[in-house]
Amino acid sequence: MNEVVLRLSARDMVHADLASCRGWAGSDHHLADVARQLDRARAGEADYLVVCPTTDVPVAKGGIDYRVREDAGFLWQLTVHPALRSHGVGSFLVAAAEPGIRDRGLNHAELAVEENNPRARDLYERLGYVAYDRRPDAWDEQAPDGSLRRYETVCTLMRKCFA
């Protein structure tokens, strides 16, 4: 069996990366929201990262929101290109996000994972995140025909303490 090794790096996402994310990282509606989050990142309210191999083309993305809770960085909108899932890219993304949270003097990171996504929850548990609550959540989702519909789910809230 041949093994493929990717050299990965993480960096701040820029608007030019959005075109490379089309097709795997969410709908046009979602990517328009990511563009708005990049504006929030410039204002210091959030960070938004991409993970790239040596080609510098994003294969994973995710944000850290510093306005959800005063004492934590909240990881959200995390996704990995489907062809690279279960190959350590998600772990790399989360590990790249955590130092920025600590650098702001915050003692923990939080995230919400959909209860119908046990693979993601398993990943976060392996990375040291612990469930502490659950809550309903909802957002607008773009259908294949371009229309928007409300998507409703239940999420488990998870936390990782750094101290």
C-alpha atoms as a PDB file:
ATOM      1  CA  MET A   1       0.000   0.000   0.000  1.00  0.00           C
ATOM      2  CA  ASN A   2       1.313   3.430  -0.956  1.00  0.00           C
ATOM      3  CA  GLU A   3       1.003   6.227   1.524  1.00  0.00           C
ATOM      4  CA  VAL A   4       0.454   9.833   0.567  1.00  0.00           C
ATOM      5  CA  VAL A   5       1.943  12.418   2.882  1.00  0.00           C
ATOM      6  CA  LEU A   6       0.675  15.983   2.734  1.00  0.00           C
ATOM      7  CA  ARG A   7       2.696  18.836   4.124  1.00  0.00           C
ATOM      8  CA  LEU A   8       0.089  21.126   5.627  1.00  0.00           C
ATOM      9  CA  SER A   9       0.148  24.686   6.839  1.00  0.00           C
ATOM     10  CA  ALA A  10      -2.520  26.910   8.319  1.00  0.00           C
ATOM     11  CA  ARG A  11      -2.961  30.579   7.580  1.00  0.00           C
ATOM     12  CA  ASP A  12      -5.574  33.296   7.756  1.00  0.00           C
ATOM     13  CA  MET A  13      -8.230  32.921   5.099  1.00  0.00           C
ATOM     14  CA  VAL A  14      -8.530  35.718   2.535  1.00  0.00           C
ATOM     15  CA  HIS A  15     -11.345  36.584   0.151  1.00  0.00           C
ATOM     16  CA  ALA A  16      -9.396  35.096  -2.781  1.00  0.00           C
ATOM     17  CA  ASP A  17      -9.648  31.656  -1.103  1.00  0.00           C
ATOM     18  CA  LEU A  18     -13.434  31.598  -1.448  1.00  0.00           C
ATOM     19  CA  ALA A  19     -13.277  30.528  -5.106  1.00  0.00           C
ATOM     20  CA  SER A  20     -11.142  27.496  -4.165  1.00  0.00           C
ATOM     21  CA  CYS A  21     -13.700  26.499  -1.523  1.00  0.00           C
ATOM     22  CA  ARG A  22     -16.647  26.483  -3.934  1.00  0.00           C
ATOM     23  CA  GLY A  23     -18.069  23.011  -4.412  1.00  0.00           C
ATOM     24  CA  TRP A  24     -16.745  21.358  -1.242  1.00  0.00           C
ATOM     25  CA  ALA A  25     -16.960  23.861   1.616  1.00  0.00           C
ATOM     26  CA  GLY A  26     -20.599  24.841   1.366  1.00  0.00           C
ATOM     27  CA  SER A  27     -23.156  26.479  -0.871  1.00  0.00           C
ATOM     28  CA  ASP A  28     -22.831  29.934  -2.410  1.00  0.00           C
ATOM     29  CA  HIS A  29     -25.072  31.172   0.415  1.00  0.00           C
ATOM     30  CA  HIS A  30     -22.686  29.713   3.001  1.00  0.00           C
ATOM     31  CA  LEU A  31     -19.598  31.110   1.280  1.00  0.00           C
ATOM     32  CA  ALA A  32     -21.232  34.556   1.204  1.00  0.00           C
ATOM     33  CA  ASP A  33     -21.523  34.235   4.993  1.00  0.00           C
ATOM     34  CA  VAL A  34     -17.864  33.198   5.194  1.00  0.00           C
ATOM     35  CA  ALA A  35     -17.007  36.401   3.280  1.00  0.00           C
ATOM     36  CA  ARG A  36     -18.849  38.380   5.966  1.00  0.00           C
ATOM     37  CA  GLN A  37     -16.912  36.493   8.645  1.00  0.00           C
ATOM     38  CA  LEU A  38     -13.652  37.536   6.966  1.00  0.00           C
ATOM     39  CA  ASP A  39     -14.752  41.139   7.469  1.00  0.00           C
ATOM     40  CA  ARG A  40     -15.336  40.364  11.160  1.00  0.00           C
ATOM     41  CA  ALA A  41     -11.859  38.821  11.309  1.00  0.00           C
ATOM     42  CA  ARG A  42     -10.347  42.064  10.019  1.00  0.00           C
ATOM     43  CA  ALA A  43     -12.184  43.840  12.856  1.00  0.00           C
ATOM     44  CA  GLY A  44     -10.649  41.448  15.442  1.00  0.00           C
ATOM     45  CA  GLU A  45     -13.962  39.819  16.386  1.00  0.00           C
ATOM     46  CA  ALA A  46     -13.008  36.465  14.885  1.00  0.00           C
ATOM     47  CA  ASP A  47     -10.270  34.517  13.174  1.00  0.00           C
ATOM     48  CA  TYR A  48     -10.857  32.478  10.040  1.00  0.00           C
ATOM     49  CA  LEU A  49      -8.275  29.906   8.988  1.00  0.00           C
ATOM     50  CA  VAL A  50      -7.600  27.657   6.040  1.00  0.00           C
ATOM     51  CA  VAL A  51      -5.405  24.580   5.921  1.00  0.00           C
ATOM     52  CA  CYS A  52      -3.420  24.169   2.712  1.00  0.00           C
ATOM     53  CA  PRO A  53      -0.922  21.709   1.270  1.00  0.00           C
ATOM     54  CA  THR A  54       2.155  23.104  -0.510  1.00  0.00           C
ATOM     55  CA  THR A  55      -0.056  24.234  -3.421  1.00  0.00           C
ATOM     56  CA  ASP A  56      -1.560  26.859  -1.051  1.00  0.00           C
ATOM     57  CA  VAL A  57      -5.071  25.827  -2.163  1.00  0.00           C
ATOM     58  CA  PRO A  58      -7.383  25.399   0.855  1.00  0.00           C
ATOM     59  CA  VAL A  59      -8.451  21.868   1.802  1.00  0.00           C
ATOM     60  CA  ALA A  60     -10.050  22.796   5.144  1.00  0.00           C
ATOM     61  CA  LYS A  61     -11.500  25.918   6.711  1.00  0.00           C
ATOM     62  CA  GLY A  62     -12.909  27.115   9.988  1.00  0.00           C
ATOM     63  CA  GLY A  63     -13.549  30.091  12.169  1.00  0.00           C
ATOM     64  CA  ILE A  64     -12.983  31.116  15.754  1.00  0.00           C
ATOM     65  CA  ASP A  65     -15.578  33.561  17.041  1.00  0.00           C
ATOM     66  CA  TYR A  66     -14.564  35.647  20.060  1.00  0.00           C
ATOM     67  CA  ARG A  67     -17.994  37.262  20.533  1.00  0.00           C
ATOM     68  CA  VAL A  68     -20.059  34.161  21.413  1.00  0.00           C
ATOM     69  CA  ARG A  69     -18.636  33.976  24.949  1.00  0.00           C
ATOM     70  CA  GLU A  70     -16.469  36.454  26.766  1.00  0.00           C
ATOM     71  CA  ASP A  71     -14.142  33.780  28.174  1.00  0.00           C
ATOM     72  CA  ALA A  72     -13.747  31.412  25.201  1.00  0.00           C
ATOM     73  CA  GLY A  73     -12.983  31.130  21.544  1.00  0.00           C
ATOM     74  CA  PHE A  74     -15.867  29.401  19.767  1.00  0.00           C
ATOM     75  CA  LEU A  75     -14.866  27.215  16.831  1.00  0.00           C
ATOM     76  CA  TRP A  76     -17.444  27.110  14.056  1.00  0.00           C
ATOM     77  CA  GLN A  77     -17.957  26.444  10.358  1.00  0.00           C
ATOM     78  CA  LEU A  78     -15.227  23.792  10.415  1.00  0.00           C
ATOM     79  CA  THR A  79     -15.048  21.626   7.317  1.00  0.00           C
ATOM     80  CA  VAL A  80     -12.519  19.477   5.471  1.00  0.00           C
ATOM     81  CA  HIS A  81     -12.561  18.623   1.785  1.00  0.00           C
ATOM     82  CA  PRO A  82     -14.493  15.309   1.562  1.00  0.00           C
ATOM     83  CA  ALA A  83     -11.599  13.509  -0.160  1.00  0.00           C
ATOM     84  CA  LEU A  84      -9.310  14.275   2.788  1.00  0.00           C
ATOM     85  CA  ARG A  85     -11.573  13.478   5.726  1.00  0.00           C
ATOM     86  CA  SER A  86     -10.209  10.965   8.248  1.00  0.00           C
ATOM     87  CA  HIS A  87      -6.627  11.777   7.251  1.00  0.00           C
ATOM     88  CA  GLY A  88      -5.721  14.163  10.081  1.00  0.00           C
ATOM     89  CA  VAL A  89      -6.612  17.412   8.322  1.00  0.00           C
ATOM     90  CA  GLY A  90      -9.426  18.231  10.770  1.00  0.00           C
ATOM     91  CA  SER A  91      -7.121  17.572  13.714  1.00  0.00           C
ATOM     92  CA  PHE A  92      -4.551  19.864  12.102  1.00  0.00           C
ATOM     93  CA  LEU A  93      -7.176  22.603  11.668  1.00  0.00           C
ATOM     94  CA  VAL A  94      -8.328  22.467  15.293  1.00  0.00           C
ATOM     95  CA  ALA A  95      -4.721  22.377  16.538  1.00  0.00           C
ATOM     96  CA  ALA A  96      -3.969  25.443  14.395  1.00  0.00           C
ATOM     97  CA  ALA A  97      -6.950  27.330  15.847  1.00  0.00           C
ATOM     98  CA  GLU A  98      -6.253  26.718  19.529  1.00  0.00           C
ATOM     99  CA  PRO A  99      -3.056  28.835  19.924  1.00  0.00           C
ATOM    100  CA  GLY A 100      -4.918  31.937  18.738  1.00  0.00           C
ATOM    101  CA  ILE A 101      -7.469  31.388  21.482  1.00  0.00           C
ATOM    102  CA  ARG A 102      -4.759  30.990  24.121  1.00  0.00           C
ATOM    103  CA  ASP A 103      -2.871  34.021  22.746  1.00  0.00           C
ATOM    104  CA  ARG A 104      -5.932  36.145  23.585  1.00  0.00           C
ATOM    105  CA  GLY A 105      -5.636  35.005  27.209  1.00  0.00           C
ATOM    106  CA  LEU A 106      -8.692  32.751  27.023  1.00  0.00           C
ATOM    107  CA  ASN A 107      -8.701  29.537  29.027  1.00  0.00           C
ATOM    108  CA  HIS A 108     -10.838  27.366  26.805  1.00  0.00           C
ATOM    109  CA  ALA A 109     -12.221  26.647  23.368  1.00  0.00           C
ATOM    110  CA  GLU A 110     -15.811  25.673  22.686  1.00  0.00           C
ATOM    111  CA  LEU A 111     -17.736  24.283  19.744  1.00  0.00           C
ATOM    112  CA  ALA A 112     -21.114  22.848  18.857  1.00  0.00           C
ATOM    113  CA  VAL A 113     -21.373  19.577  16.957  1.00  0.00           C
ATOM    114  CA  GLU A 114     -24.572  18.290  15.424  1.00  0.00           C
ATOM    115  CA  GLU A 115     -25.845  15.229  17.246  1.00  0.00           C
ATOM    116  CA  ASN A 116     -26.289  13.477  13.895  1.00  0.00           C
ATOM    117  CA  ASN A 117     -22.529  13.784  13.235  1.00  0.00           C
ATOM    118  CA  PRO A 118     -20.856  11.180  15.463  1.00  0.00           C
ATOM    119  CA  ARG A 119     -17.643  11.168  13.380  1.00  0.00           C
ATOM    120  CA  ALA A 120     -17.019  14.817  14.157  1.00  0.00           C
ATOM    121  CA  ARG A 121     -17.884  14.341  17.815  1.00  0.00           C
ATOM    122  CA  ASP A 122     -15.438  11.423  18.025  1.00  0.00           C
ATOM    123  CA  LEU A 123     -12.729  13.666  16.541  1.00  0.00           C
ATOM    124  CA  TYR A 124     -13.359  16.438  19.051  1.00  0.00           C
ATOM    125  CA  GLU A 125     -13.348  13.974  21.946  1.00  0.00           C
ATOM    126  CA  ARG A 126      -9.987  12.579  20.747  1.00  0.00           C
ATOM    127  CA  LEU A 127      -8.694  16.168  20.749  1.00  0.00           C
ATOM    128  CA  GLY A 128      -9.745  16.681  24.378  1.00  0.00           C
ATOM    129  CA  TYR A 129     -13.157  18.324  24.020  1.00  0.00           C
ATOM    130  CA  VAL A 130     -15.791  17.326  26.579  1.00  0.00           C
ATOM    131  CA  ALA A 131     -19.560  17.604  26.183  1.00  0.00           C
ATOM    132  CA  TYR A 132     -21.240  19.899  28.697  1.00  0.00           C
ATOM    133  CA  ASP A 133     -24.692  20.730  27.286  1.00  0.00           C
ATOM    134  CA  ARG A 134     -26.937  20.472  24.243  1.00  0.00           C
ATOM    135  CA  ARG A 135     -29.141  22.962  22.438  1.00  0.00           C
ATOM    136  CA  PRO A 136     -31.304  23.339  19.364  1.00  0.00           C
ATOM    137  CA  ASP A 137     -29.754  25.298  16.519  1.00  0.00           C
ATOM    138  CA  ALA A 138     -30.915  26.467  13.097  1.00  0.00           C
ATOM    139  CA  TRP A 139     -29.611  28.279  10.052  1.00  0.00           C
ATOM    140  CA  ASP A 140     -30.572  29.002   6.479  1.00  0.00           C
ATOM    141  CA  GLU A 141     -29.408  26.384   4.006  1.00  0.00           C
ATOM    142  CA  GLN A 142     -29.327  26.682   0.227  1.00  0.00           C
ATOM    143  CA  ALA A 143     -31.204  23.967  -1.687  1.00  0.00           C
ATOM    144  CA  PRO A 144     -29.877  22.654  -5.030  1.00  0.00           C
ATOM    145  CA  ASP A 145     -32.367  24.893  -6.857  1.00  0.00           C
ATOM    146  CA  GLY A 146     -30.885  27.964  -5.119  1.00  0.00           C
ATOM    147  CA  SER A 147     -33.799  28.559  -2.756  1.00  0.00           C
ATOM    148  CA  LEU A 148     -33.205  28.944   0.960  1.00  0.00           C
ATOM    149  CA  ARG A 149     -34.771  26.758   3.606  1.00  0.00           C
ATOM    150  CA  ARG A 150     -34.418  26.683   7.366  1.00  0.00           C
ATOM    151  CA  TYR A 151     -32.330  23.778   8.634  1.00  0.00           C
ATOM    152  CA  GLU A 152     -32.997  22.772  12.242  1.00  0.00           C
ATOM    153  CA  THR A 153     -30.867  20.458  14.339  1.00  0.00           C
ATOM    154  CA  VAL A 154     -29.708  19.723  17.874  1.00  0.00           C
ATOM    155  CA  CYS A 155     -26.082  20.286  18.815  1.00  0.00           C
ATOM    156  CA  THR A 156     -23.906  19.030  21.629  1.00  0.00           C
ATOM    157  CA  LEU A 157     -21.812  21.805  23.157  1.00  0.00           C
ATOM    158  CA  MET A 158     -18.229  20.812  23.849  1.00  0.00           C
ATOM    159  CA  ARG A 159     -15.375  22.525  25.675  1.00  0.00           C
ATOM    160  CA  LYS A 160     -11.626  22.092  25.995  1.00  0.00           C
ATOM    161  CA  CYS A 161      -9.874  23.778  28.900  1.00  0.00           C
ATOM    162  CA  PHE A 162      -6.284  24.939  28.426  1.00  0.00           C
ATOM    163  CA  ALA A 163      -5.396  25.777  32.042  1.00  0.00           C
END
